[in-house]
Protein backbone atom coordinates (compact mmCIF):
# COMPACT_ATOMS: atom_id res chain seq x y z
CA MET A 1 16.83 -32.35 -11.69
CA ASN A 2 19.73 -34.60 -12.15
CA HIS A 3 22.34 -35.81 -9.47
CA THR A 4 25.09 -33.57 -10.72
CA VAL A 5 23.16 -30.48 -10.64
CA ARG A 6 21.91 -31.42 -7.04
CA ILE A 7 25.59 -31.96 -5.98
CA ALA A 8 26.64 -28.47 -7.55
CA ILE A 9 23.73 -26.73 -5.74
CA ALA A 10 24.71 -28.53 -2.51
CA SER A 11 28.69 -27.77 -2.86
CA ILE A 12 28.46 -24.13 -3.49
CA SER A 13 30.02 -22.68 -0.44
CA SER A 14 29.32 -18.78 -0.57
CA TYR A 15 25.51 -19.16 0.09
CA ILE A 16 26.24 -18.12 3.85
CA GLU A 17 27.95 -14.89 2.69
CA LEU A 18 24.72 -13.64 0.91
CA SER A 19 22.88 -11.04 2.72
CA PRO A 20 19.08 -10.75 2.44
CA THR A 21 19.91 -7.81 0.14
CA GLU A 22 22.23 -9.56 -1.90
CA LEU A 23 19.96 -12.61 -2.32
CA LYS A 24 17.13 -10.13 -3.31
CA LYS A 25 19.52 -8.62 -5.92
CA LEU A 26 20.29 -11.80 -7.31
CA GLN A 27 16.48 -13.14 -7.43
CA ASP A 28 15.85 -9.93 -9.39
CA LYS A 29 18.59 -10.29 -11.87
CA ARG A 30 17.40 -11.71 -15.17
CA ALA A 31 20.51 -13.26 -16.72
CA LYS A 32 22.46 -15.39 -14.34
CA THR A 33 25.29 -17.65 -14.65
CA LYS A 34 25.03 -21.36 -13.73
CA THR A 35 27.16 -20.56 -10.47
CA GLU A 36 24.75 -17.56 -9.58
CA ARG A 37 21.62 -19.90 -10.04
CA HIS A 38 23.25 -22.47 -7.91
CA GLN A 39 24.24 -19.84 -5.27
CA GLN A 40 20.46 -18.25 -5.23
CA ARG A 41 18.96 -21.80 -5.10
CA LYS A 42 21.36 -22.95 -1.95
CA ALA A 43 20.57 -19.75 -0.15
CA GLU A 44 16.92 -20.00 -0.54
CA LEU A 45 17.01 -23.56 0.68
CA PHE A 46 19.40 -22.58 3.68
CA ARG A 47 16.85 -19.69 4.59
CA ARG A 48 13.81 -22.06 4.16
CA TYR A 49 15.02 -25.09 6.24
CA GLY A 50 17.66 -23.59 8.22
CA VAL A 51 19.95 -26.52 7.97
CA GLU A 52 22.95 -27.69 5.92
CA VAL A 53 22.07 -27.89 2.24
CA THR A 54 22.83 -31.60 0.79
CA PRO A 55 21.91 -33.16 -2.42
CA GLU A 56 19.01 -35.12 -0.61
CA LEU A 57 17.33 -31.91 0.45
CA VAL A 58 17.69 -30.43 -2.87
CA ASP A 59 15.86 -33.60 -4.07
CA LYS A 60 13.21 -33.42 -1.38
CA ASP A 61 12.68 -29.71 -2.11
CA ASP A 62 12.05 -30.65 -5.85
CA ASP A 63 9.48 -33.02 -4.82
CA ALA A 64 7.57 -30.22 -2.89
CA TRP A 65 8.61 -31.17 0.39
CA TYR A 66 8.29 -27.94 2.13
CA PRO A 67 4.39 -27.52 1.79
CA GLN A 68 4.08 -31.15 3.29
CA LEU A 69 6.20 -30.12 6.23
CA ARG A 70 4.45 -26.93 6.53
CA MET A 71 0.95 -28.73 6.46
CA HIS A 72 2.29 -31.22 9.17
CA TYR A 73 3.34 -28.31 11.24
CA TYR A 74 -0.13 -26.75 11.23
CA LEU A 75 -1.91 -30.17 11.72
CA THR A 76 0.34 -30.57 15.06
CA LEU A 77 2.54 -28.16 16.79
CA GLY A 78 1.27 -24.91 14.93
CA ARG A 79 -2.49 -25.63 14.78
CA GLU A 80 -2.95 -22.73 17.54
CA PHE A 81 -1.31 -20.24 15.28
CA LEU A 82 -2.91 -21.27 11.99
CA ALA A 83 -6.20 -18.91 12.18
CA ASN A 84 -4.00 -15.99 12.94
CA ARG A 85 -1.57 -16.81 10.15
CA ASP A 86 -4.51 -16.90 7.69
CA ALA A 87 -6.01 -13.76 9.10
CA LYS A 88 -2.62 -11.99 8.44
CA ARG A 89 -2.43 -13.29 5.17
CA ALA A 90 -6.00 -12.05 4.01
CA ALA A 91 -5.29 -8.65 5.54
CA ALA A 92 -2.02 -8.45 3.52
CA GLN A 93 -3.69 -9.43 0.25
CA LEU A 94 -6.74 -6.71 1.02
CA GLU A 95 -4.05 -4.07 1.62
CA ALA A 96 -2.04 -4.88 -1.51
CA ARG A 97 -4.87 -4.93 -3.67
CA GLU A 98 -6.63 -2.05 -2.21
CA ASN A 99 -9.60 -3.78 -0.42
CA SER A 100 -10.20 -6.25 -3.25
CA ILE A 101 -8.91 -9.90 -3.37
CA TRP A 102 -8.49 -12.30 -6.20
CA LYS A 103 -10.22 -15.32 -5.11
CA PRO A 104 -7.89 -17.97 -6.45
CA ASP A 105 -5.08 -16.26 -4.88
CA PHE A 106 -6.61 -16.01 -1.56
CA ASN A 107 -8.13 -19.48 -1.64
CA LYS A 108 -4.62 -20.83 -2.44
CA GLY A 109 -3.01 -19.01 0.45
CA GLN A 110 -5.41 -20.18 3.18
CA LEU A 111 -4.44 -23.46 4.94
CA LEU A 112 -7.25 -23.68 7.73
CA PRO A 113 -9.93 -25.01 5.48
CA ALA A 114 -7.40 -27.89 4.28
CA VAL A 115 -6.32 -28.42 7.87
CA LEU A 116 -10.13 -28.61 9.10
CA LEU A 117 -10.94 -30.89 6.37
CA LEU A 118 -8.15 -33.23 7.04
CA GLU A 119 -9.03 -33.48 10.68
CA SER A 120 -12.77 -33.92 9.95
CA LEU A 121 -11.97 -37.02 7.79
CA ASN A 122 -9.76 -38.20 10.66
CA LEU A 123 -6.71 -38.47 8.22
CA PHE A 124 -4.46 -36.96 10.72
């Protein structure tokens, strides 16, 4: 993403005004203006990170920063919550698919195996 777009996303001021319902409505809308796309992206970033959205944050998110932060959290402070998180996710998939799980989706959503592998390799 070019620098101008990152600045445009960070400078949109109306993202705080978007309620969860309004954000969902905007996400579901198919044809969006450039301003609406920027508004949606900024609202999503603000909800994901809970901090002021800057061009640097937009850039880091574009470089898949969130999955790295999430993995770091579960390797450190959130380790005790990881098994419960994966179990809840598996239960939700079972419920949504009427007692059947598509393995690629299931495997992609589970973080415990990756954390255990990194720990066993002493990479963290």
